[in-house]
């Protein structure tokens, strides 16, 4: 494990980013969106990224988490998830 951490540090930013959890900054989000983040779990940005990477639409993601499609679309725009 220690060797893996060393390799990640030597490989540069990309490998380092993989090892770090994606933490979302919630301070600048509207209160309504901050409340919706709790449905996405402890790492909401990472969770939403995974669902987007799977090819799910905003409506499908929203239905899964019982949120509005507008909230998902807003979070994707704010976090620049395509």
PDB file of N, CA and C in Angstrom:
ATOM      1  N   UNK A   1       0.827  -1.194   0.000  1.00  0.00           N
ATOM      2  CA  UNK A   1       0.000   0.000   0.000  1.00  0.00           C
ATOM      3  C   UNK A   1       0.866   1.250   0.000  1.00  0.00           C
ATOM      4  N   UNK A   2       1.917   1.225   0.778  1.00  0.00           N
ATOM      5  CA  UNK A   2       2.811   2.377   0.845  1.00  0.00           C
ATOM      6  C   UNK A   2       3.423   2.656  -0.520  1.00  0.00           C
ATOM      7  N   UNK A   3       3.788   1.596  -1.246  1.00  0.00           N
ATOM      8  CA  UNK A   3       4.363   1.744  -2.571  1.00  0.00           C
ATOM      9  C   UNK A   3       3.360   2.389  -3.525  1.00  0.00           C
ATOM     10  N   UNK A   4       2.097   2.018  -3.414  1.00  0.00           N
ATOM     11  CA  UNK A   4       1.055   2.596  -4.249  1.00  0.00           C
ATOM     12  C   UNK A   4       0.923   4.089  -4.002  1.00  0.00           C
ATOM     13  N   UNK A   5       0.992   4.502  -2.758  1.00  0.00           N
ATOM     14  CA  UNK A   5       0.911   5.918  -2.417  1.00  0.00           C
ATOM     15  C   UNK A   5       2.113   6.658  -2.982  1.00  0.00           C
ATOM     16  N   UNK A   6       3.300   6.056  -2.903  1.00  0.00           N
ATOM     17  CA  UNK A   6       4.498   6.681  -3.474  1.00  0.00           C
ATOM     18  C   UNK A   6       4.347   6.842  -4.978  1.00  0.00           C
ATOM     19  N   UNK A   7       3.865   5.820  -5.656  1.00  0.00           N
ATOM     20  CA  UNK A   7       3.690   5.878  -7.101  1.00  0.00           C
ATOM     21  C   UNK A   7       2.690   6.963  -7.480  1.00  0.00           C
ATOM     22  N   UNK A   8       1.638   7.072  -6.723  1.00  0.00           N
ATOM     23  CA  UNK A   8       0.635   8.094  -7.003  1.00  0.00           C
ATOM     24  C   UNK A   8       1.231   9.479  -6.847  1.00  0.00           C
ATOM     25  N   UNK A   9       2.071   9.657  -5.845  1.00  0.00           N
ATOM     26  CA  UNK A   9       2.708  10.949  -5.635  1.00  0.00           C
ATOM     27  C   UNK A   9       3.686  11.293  -6.738  1.00  0.00           C
ATOM     28  N   UNK A  10       4.375  10.296  -7.269  1.00  0.00           N
ATOM     29  CA  UNK A  10       5.357  10.524  -8.325  1.00  0.00           C
ATOM     30  C   UNK A  10       4.700  10.699  -9.686  1.00  0.00           C
ATOM     31  N   UNK A  11       3.546  10.113  -9.889  1.00  0.00           N
ATOM     32  CA  UNK A  11       2.902  10.127 -11.196  1.00  0.00           C
ATOM     33  C   UNK A  11       2.315  11.491 -11.544  1.00  0.00           C
ATOM     34  N   UNK A  12       2.123  12.324 -10.582  1.00  0.00           N
ATOM     35  CA  UNK A  12       1.597  13.645 -10.865  1.00  0.00           C
ATOM     36  C   UNK A  12       0.152  13.810 -10.453  1.00  0.00           C
ATOM     37  N   UNK A  13      -0.466  14.847 -10.997  1.00  0.00           N
ATOM     38  CA  UNK A  13      -1.804  15.240 -10.587  1.00  0.00           C
ATOM     39  C   UNK A  13      -2.892  14.235 -10.853  1.00  0.00           C
ATOM     40  N   UNK A  14      -2.870  13.550 -12.004  1.00  0.00           N
ATOM     41  CA  UNK A  14      -3.959  12.637 -12.345  1.00  0.00           C
ATOM     42  C   UNK A  14      -4.057  11.483 -11.357  1.00  0.00           C
ATOM     43  N   UNK A  15      -2.947  10.839 -11.081  1.00  0.00           N
ATOM     44  CA  UNK A  15      -2.976   9.716 -10.145  1.00  0.00           C
ATOM     45  C   UNK A  15      -3.308  10.191  -8.742  1.00  0.00           C
ATOM     46  N   UNK A  16      -2.823  11.354  -8.401  1.00  0.00           N
ATOM     47  CA  UNK A  16      -3.104  11.904  -7.077  1.00  0.00           C
ATOM     48  C   UNK A  16      -4.601  12.187  -6.931  1.00  0.00           C
ATOM     49  N   UNK A  17      -5.212  12.691  -7.998  1.00  0.00           N
ATOM     50  CA  UNK A  17      -6.640  12.998  -7.966  1.00  0.00           C
ATOM     51  C   UNK A  17      -7.471  11.734  -7.807  1.00  0.00           C
ATOM     52  N   UNK A  18      -7.017  10.628  -8.378  1.00  0.00           N
ATOM     53  CA  UNK A  18      -7.747   9.372  -8.266  1.00  0.00           C
ATOM     54  C   UNK A  18      -7.769   8.899  -6.822  1.00  0.00           C
ATOM     55  N   UNK A  19      -6.679   9.128  -6.105  1.00  0.00           N
ATOM     56  CA  UNK A  19      -6.568   8.663  -4.730  1.00  0.00           C
ATOM     57  C   UNK A  19      -7.335   9.536  -3.749  1.00  0.00           C
ATOM     58  N   UNK A  20      -7.656  10.739  -4.144  1.00  0.00           N
ATOM     59  CA  UNK A  20      -8.340  11.671  -3.259  1.00  0.00           C
ATOM     60  C   UNK A  20      -9.847  11.629  -3.510  1.00  0.00           C
ATOM     61  N   UNK A  21     -10.663  11.594  -2.472  1.00  0.00           N
ATOM     62  CA  UNK A  21     -12.111  11.645  -2.689  1.00  0.00           C
ATOM     63  C   UNK A  21     -12.514  13.022  -3.195  1.00  0.00           C
ATOM     64  N   UNK A  22     -13.493  13.043  -4.079  1.00  0.00           N
ATOM     65  CA  UNK A  22     -13.978  14.314  -4.610  1.00  0.00           C
ATOM     66  C   UNK A  22     -14.920  14.926  -3.579  1.00  0.00           C
ATOM     67  N   UNK A  23     -14.482  15.962  -2.959  1.00  0.00           N
ATOM     68  CA  UNK A  23     -15.312  16.635  -1.961  1.00  0.00           C
ATOM     69  C   UNK A  23     -15.958  17.846  -2.606  1.00  0.00           C
ATOM     70  N   UNK A  24     -17.242  17.946  -2.441  1.00  0.00           N
ATOM     71  CA  UNK A  24     -17.986  19.049  -3.019  1.00  0.00           C
ATOM     72  C   UNK A  24     -18.007  20.213  -2.050  1.00  0.00           C
ATOM     73  N   UNK A  25     -17.784  21.396  -2.574  1.00  0.00           N
ATOM     74  CA  UNK A  25     -17.917  22.592  -1.762  1.00  0.00           C
ATOM     75  C   UNK A  25     -19.393  22.946  -1.713  1.00  0.00           C
ATOM     76  N   UNK A  26     -19.958  22.932  -0.527  1.00  0.00           N
ATOM     77  CA  UNK A  26     -21.393  23.207  -0.394  1.00  0.00           C
ATOM     78  C   UNK A  26     -21.667  24.638   0.058  1.00  0.00           C
ATOM     79  N   UNK A  27     -20.639  25.369   0.382  1.00  0.00           N
ATOM     80  CA  UNK A  27     -20.827  26.725   0.910  1.00  0.00           C
ATOM     81  C   UNK A  27     -21.476  27.658  -0.095  1.00  0.00           C
ATOM     82  N   UNK A  28     -21.154  27.493  -1.375  1.00  0.00           N
ATOM     83  CA  UNK A  28     -21.668  28.423  -2.373  1.00  0.00           C
ATOM     84  C   UNK A  28     -22.928  27.911  -3.084  1.00  0.00           C
ATOM     85  N   UNK A  29     -23.473  26.798  -2.623  1.00  0.00           N
ATOM     86  CA  UNK A  29     -24.700  26.264  -3.220  1.00  0.00           C
ATOM     87  C   UNK A  29     -25.934  26.880  -2.564  1.00  0.00           C
ATOM     88  N   UNK A  30     -27.010  27.060  -3.335  1.00  0.00           N
ATOM     89  CA  UNK A  30     -28.263  27.508  -2.728  1.00  0.00           C
ATOM     90  C   UNK A  30     -28.743  26.491  -1.689  1.00  0.00           C
ATOM     91  N   UNK A  31     -29.478  26.959  -0.710  1.00  0.00           N
ATOM     92  CA  UNK A  31     -29.904  26.092   0.391  1.00  0.00           C
ATOM     93  C   UNK A  31     -30.703  24.884  -0.101  1.00  0.00           C
ATOM     94  N   UNK A  32     -31.548  25.080  -1.103  1.00  0.00           N
ATOM     95  CA  UNK A  32     -32.354  23.978  -1.629  1.00  0.00           C
ATOM     96  C   UNK A  32     -31.452  22.864  -2.160  1.00  0.00           C
ATOM     97  N   UNK A  33     -30.380  23.230  -2.861  1.00  0.00           N
ATOM     98  CA  UNK A  33     -29.466  22.216  -3.386  1.00  0.00           C
ATOM     99  C   UNK A  33     -28.654  21.565  -2.272  1.00  0.00           C
ATOM    100  N   UNK A  34     -28.301  22.342  -1.256  1.00  0.00           N
ATOM    101  CA  UNK A  34     -27.562  21.770  -0.123  1.00  0.00           C
ATOM    102  C   UNK A  34     -28.392  20.695   0.571  1.00  0.00           C
ATOM    103  N   UNK A  35     -29.701  20.926   0.672  1.00  0.00           N
ATOM    104  CA  UNK A  35     -30.586  19.932   1.279  1.00  0.00           C
ATOM    105  C   UNK A  35     -30.658  18.668   0.414  1.00  0.00           C
ATOM    106  N   UNK A  36     -30.623  18.825  -0.910  1.00  0.00           N
ATOM    107  CA  UNK A  36     -30.679  17.680  -1.821  1.00  0.00           C
ATOM    108  C   UNK A  36     -29.404  16.839  -1.765  1.00  0.00           C
ATOM    109  N   UNK A  37     -28.297  17.432  -1.385  1.00  0.00           N
ATOM    110  CA  UNK A  37     -27.025  16.712  -1.344  1.00  0.00           C
ATOM    111  C   UNK A  37     -27.049  15.543  -0.373  1.00  0.00           C
ATOM    112  N   UNK A  38     -27.817  15.651   0.684  1.00  0.00           N
ATOM    113  CA  UNK A  38     -27.847  14.568   1.668  1.00  0.00           C
ATOM    114  C   UNK A  38     -28.358  13.263   1.052  1.00  0.00           C
ATOM    115  N   UNK A  39     -29.231  13.366   0.052  1.00  0.00           N
ATOM    116  CA  UNK A  39     -29.747  12.172  -0.612  1.00  0.00           C
ATOM    117  C   UNK A  39     -28.655  11.470  -1.419  1.00  0.00           C
ATOM    118  N   UNK A  40     -27.627  12.222  -1.843  1.00  0.00           N
ATOM    119  CA  UNK A  40     -26.556  11.654  -2.660  1.00  0.00           C
ATOM    120  C   UNK A  40     -25.459  10.998  -1.833  1.00  0.00           C
ATOM    121  N   UNK A  41     -25.537  11.090  -0.513  1.00  0.00           N
ATOM    122  CA  UNK A  41     -24.571  10.408   0.342  1.00  0.00           C
ATOM    123  C   UNK A  41     -23.423  11.293   0.794  1.00  0.00           C
ATOM    124  N   UNK A  42     -22.399  10.679   1.406  1.00  0.00           N
ATOM    125  CA  UNK A  42     -21.312  11.450   2.001  1.00  0.00           C
ATOM    126  C   UNK A  42     -20.379  12.116   0.976  1.00  0.00           C
ATOM    127  N   UNK A  43     -20.319  11.593  -0.231  1.00  0.00           N
ATOM    128  CA  UNK A  43     -19.508  12.187  -1.305  1.00  0.00           C
ATOM    129  C   UNK A  43     -20.417  12.464  -2.507  1.00  0.00           C
ATOM    130  N   UNK A  44     -21.248  13.500  -2.408  1.00  0.00           N
ATOM    131  CA  UNK A  44     -22.275  13.723  -3.432  1.00  0.00           C
ATOM    132  C   UNK A  44     -21.709  13.954  -4.828  1.00  0.00           C
ATOM    133  N   UNK A  45     -20.593  14.645  -4.938  1.00  0.00           N
ATOM    134  CA  UNK A  45     -20.017  14.902  -6.256  1.00  0.00           C
ATOM    135  C   UNK A  45     -19.536  13.593  -6.891  1.00  0.00           C
ATOM    136  N   UNK A  46     -18.889  12.763  -6.116  1.00  0.00           N
ATOM    137  CA  UNK A  46     -18.417  11.467  -6.608  1.00  0.00           C
ATOM    138  C   UNK A  46     -19.606  10.589  -7.013  1.00  0.00           C
ATOM    139  N   UNK A  47     -20.668  10.608  -6.209  1.00  0.00           N
ATOM    140  CA  UNK A  47     -21.857   9.813  -6.505  1.00  0.00           C
ATOM    141  C   UNK A  47     -22.500  10.264  -7.801  1.00  0.00           C
ATOM    142  N   UNK A  48     -22.683  11.564  -7.939  1.00  0.00           N
ATOM    143  CA  UNK A  48     -23.310  12.086  -9.151  1.00  0.00           C
ATOM    144  C   UNK A  48     -22.432  11.816 -10.369  1.00  0.00           C
ATOM    145  N   UNK A  49     -21.133  11.943 -10.215  1.00  0.00           N
ATOM    146  CA  UNK A  49     -20.206  11.654 -11.313  1.00  0.00           C
ATOM    147  C   UNK A  49     -20.355  10.207 -11.778  1.00  0.00           C
ATOM    148  N   UNK A  50     -20.474   9.288 -10.837  1.00  0.00           N
ATOM    149  CA  UNK A  50     -20.617   7.872 -11.190  1.00  0.00           C
ATOM    150  C   UNK A  50     -21.891   7.633 -11.992  1.00  0.00           C
ATOM    151  N   UNK A  51     -22.995   8.234 -11.575  1.00  0.00           N
ATOM    152  CA  UNK A  51     -24.252   8.043 -12.278  1.00  0.00           C
ATOM    153  C   UNK A  51     -24.220   8.684 -13.665  1.00  0.00           C
ATOM    154  N   UNK A  52     -23.576   9.833 -13.783  1.00  0.00           N
ATOM    155  CA  UNK A  52     -23.431  10.491 -15.088  1.00  0.00           C
ATOM    156  C   UNK A  52     -22.554   9.627 -15.998  1.00  0.00           C
ATOM    157  N   UNK A  53     -21.469   9.093 -15.450  1.00  0.00           N
ATOM    158  CA  UNK A  53     -20.579   8.226 -16.231  1.00  0.00           C
ATOM    159  C   UNK A  53     -21.280   6.967 -16.716  1.00  0.00           C
ATOM    160  N   UNK A  54     -22.268   6.505 -15.970  1.00  0.00           N
ATOM    161  CA  UNK A  54     -23.047   5.346 -16.392  1.00  0.00           C
ATOM    162  C   UNK A  54     -24.006   5.668 -17.531  1.00  0.00           C
ATOM    163  N   UNK A  55     -24.147   6.958 -17.834  1.00  0.00           N
ATOM    164  CA  UNK A  55     -24.988   7.377 -18.947  1.00  0.00           C
ATOM    165  C   UNK A  55     -26.428   7.651 -18.584  1.00  0.00           C
ATOM    166  N   UNK A  56     -26.721   7.756 -17.298  1.00  0.00           N
ATOM    167  CA  UNK A  56     -28.092   8.037 -16.889  1.00  0.00           C
ATOM    168  C   UNK A  56     -28.433   9.505 -17.138  1.00  0.00           C
ATOM    169  N   UNK A  57     -29.685   9.743 -17.486  1.00  0.00           N
ATOM    170  CA  UNK A  57     -30.155  11.114 -17.694  1.00  0.00           C
ATOM    171  C   UNK A  57     -30.420  11.771 -16.340  1.00  0.00           C
ATOM    172  N   UNK A  58     -30.597  13.081 -16.373  1.00  0.00           N
ATOM    173  CA  UNK A  58     -30.917  13.803 -15.140  1.00  0.00           C
ATOM    174  C   UNK A  58     -32.200  13.264 -14.516  1.00  0.00           C
ATOM    175  N   UNK A  59     -33.185  12.978 -15.346  1.00  0.00           N
ATOM    176  CA  UNK A  59     -34.473  12.468 -14.846  1.00  0.00           C
ATOM    177  C   UNK A  59     -34.302  11.096 -14.195  1.00  0.00           C
ATOM    178  N   UNK A  60     -33.483  10.236 -14.790  1.00  0.00           N
ATOM    179  CA  UNK A  60     -33.263   8.900 -14.223  1.00  0.00           C
ATOM    180  C   UNK A  60     -32.526   8.981 -12.885  1.00  0.00           C
ATOM    181  N   UNK A  61     -31.524   9.847 -12.824  1.00  0.00           N
ATOM    182  CA  UNK A  61     -30.773  10.028 -11.576  1.00  0.00           C
ATOM    183  C   UNK A  61     -31.700  10.598 -10.504  1.00  0.00           C
ATOM    184  N   UNK A  62     -32.482  11.596 -10.887  1.00  0.00           N
ATOM    185  CA  UNK A  62     -33.406  12.229  -9.944  1.00  0.00           C
ATOM    186  C   UNK A  62     -34.411  11.221  -9.402  1.00  0.00           C
ATOM    187  N   UNK A  63     -34.944  10.371 -10.272  1.00  0.00           N
ATOM    188  CA  UNK A  63     -35.913   9.357  -9.855  1.00  0.00           C
ATOM    189  C   UNK A  63     -35.266   8.380  -8.868  1.00  0.00           C
ATOM    190  N   UNK A  64     -34.022   7.983  -9.123  1.00  0.00           N
ATOM    191  CA  UNK A  64     -33.322   7.048  -8.251  1.00  0.00           C
ATOM    192  C   UNK A  64     -33.166   7.607  -6.839  1.00  0.00           C
ATOM    193  N   UNK A  65     -32.829   8.908  -6.749  1.00  0.00           N
ATOM    194  CA  UNK A  65     -32.593   9.533  -5.441  1.00  0.00           C
ATOM    195  C   UNK A  65     -33.802  10.281  -4.901  1.00  0.00           C
ATOM    196  N   UNK A  66     -34.931  10.228  -5.607  1.00  0.00           N
ATOM    197  CA  UNK A  66     -36.151  10.930  -5.212  1.00  0.00           C
ATOM    198  C   UNK A  66     -35.909  12.430  -5.087  1.00  0.00           C
ATOM    199  N   UNK A  67     -35.272  12.981  -6.108  1.00  0.00           N
ATOM    200  CA  UNK A  67     -35.007  14.417  -6.198  1.00  0.00           C
ATOM    201  C   UNK A  67     -35.636  14.943  -7.475  1.00  0.00           C
ATOM    202  N   UNK A  68     -35.611  16.251  -7.654  1.00  0.00           N
ATOM    203  CA  UNK A  68     -36.118  16.817  -8.899  1.00  0.00           C
ATOM    204  C   UNK A  68     -35.017  16.776  -9.962  1.00  0.00           C
ATOM    205  N   UNK A  69     -35.440  16.615 -11.211  1.00  0.00           N
ATOM    206  CA  UNK A  69     -34.490  16.612 -12.323  1.00  0.00           C
ATOM    207  C   UNK A  69     -33.785  17.965 -12.425  1.00  0.00           C
ATOM    208  N   UNK A  70     -34.474  19.033 -12.044  1.00  0.00           N
ATOM    209  CA  UNK A  70     -33.865  20.368 -12.072  1.00  0.00           C
ATOM    210  C   UNK A  70     -32.699  20.456 -11.085  1.00  0.00           C
ATOM    211  N   UNK A  71     -32.839  19.834  -9.922  1.00  0.00           N
ATOM    212  CA  UNK A  71     -31.749  19.836  -8.933  1.00  0.00           C
ATOM    213  C   UNK A  71     -30.529  19.106  -9.474  1.00  0.00           C
ATOM    214  N   UNK A  72     -30.746  17.954 -10.102  1.00  0.00           N
ATOM    215  CA  UNK A  72     -29.645  17.194 -10.676  1.00  0.00           C
ATOM    216  C   UNK A  72     -28.982  18.002 -11.795  1.00  0.00           C
ATOM    217  N   UNK A  73     -29.795  18.607 -12.638  1.00  0.00           N
ATOM    218  CA  UNK A  73     -29.250  19.420 -13.733  1.00  0.00           C
ATOM    219  C   UNK A  73     -28.438  20.597 -13.193  1.00  0.00           C
ATOM    220  N   UNK A  74     -28.941  21.234 -12.139  1.00  0.00           N
ATOM    221  CA  UNK A  74     -28.210  22.358 -11.538  1.00  0.00           C
ATOM    222  C   UNK A  74     -26.880  21.912 -10.944  1.00  0.00           C
ATOM    223  N   UNK A  75     -26.879  20.785 -10.236  1.00  0.00           N
ATOM    224  CA  UNK A  75     -25.624  20.276  -9.660  1.00  0.00           C
ATOM    225  C   UNK A  75     -24.644  19.899 -10.754  1.00  0.00           C
ATOM    226  N   UNK A  76     -25.118  19.290 -11.828  1.00  0.00           N
ATOM    227  CA  UNK A  76     -24.224  18.936 -12.939  1.00  0.00           C
ATOM    228  C   UNK A  76     -23.626  20.183 -13.568  1.00  0.00           C
ATOM    229  N   UNK A  77     -24.410  21.232 -13.675  1.00  0.00           N
ATOM    230  CA  UNK A  77     -23.906  22.483 -14.252  1.00  0.00           C
ATOM    231  C   UNK A  77     -22.877  23.119 -13.319  1.00  0.00           C
ATOM    232  N   UNK A  78     -23.191  23.201 -12.051  1.00  0.00           N
ATOM    233  CA  UNK A  78     -22.284  23.819 -11.073  1.00  0.00           C
ATOM    234  C   UNK A  78     -20.960  23.064 -11.006  1.00  0.00           C
ATOM    235  N   UNK A  79     -21.035  21.732 -11.008  1.00  0.00           N
ATOM    236  CA  UNK A  79     -19.826  20.903 -10.882  1.00  0.00           C
ATOM    237  C   UNK A  79     -19.220  20.554 -12.226  1.00  0.00           C
ATOM    238  N   UNK A  80     -19.804  21.086 -13.299  1.00  0.00           N
ATOM    239  CA  UNK A  80     -19.316  20.882 -14.667  1.00  0.00           C
ATOM    240  C   UNK A  80     -19.170  19.409 -15.009  1.00  0.00           C
ATOM    241  N   UNK A  81     -20.218  18.640 -14.745  1.00  0.00           N
ATOM    242  CA  UNK A  81     -20.240  17.209 -15.063  1.00  0.00           C
ATOM    243  C   UNK A  81     -20.958  17.027 -16.391  1.00  0.00           C
ATOM    244  N   UNK A  82     -20.333  16.402 -17.321  1.00  0.00           N
ATOM    245  CA  UNK A  82     -20.929  16.198 -18.651  1.00  0.00           C
ATOM    246  C   UNK A  82     -21.200  14.750 -18.895  1.00  0.00           C
TER     247      UNK A  82
END
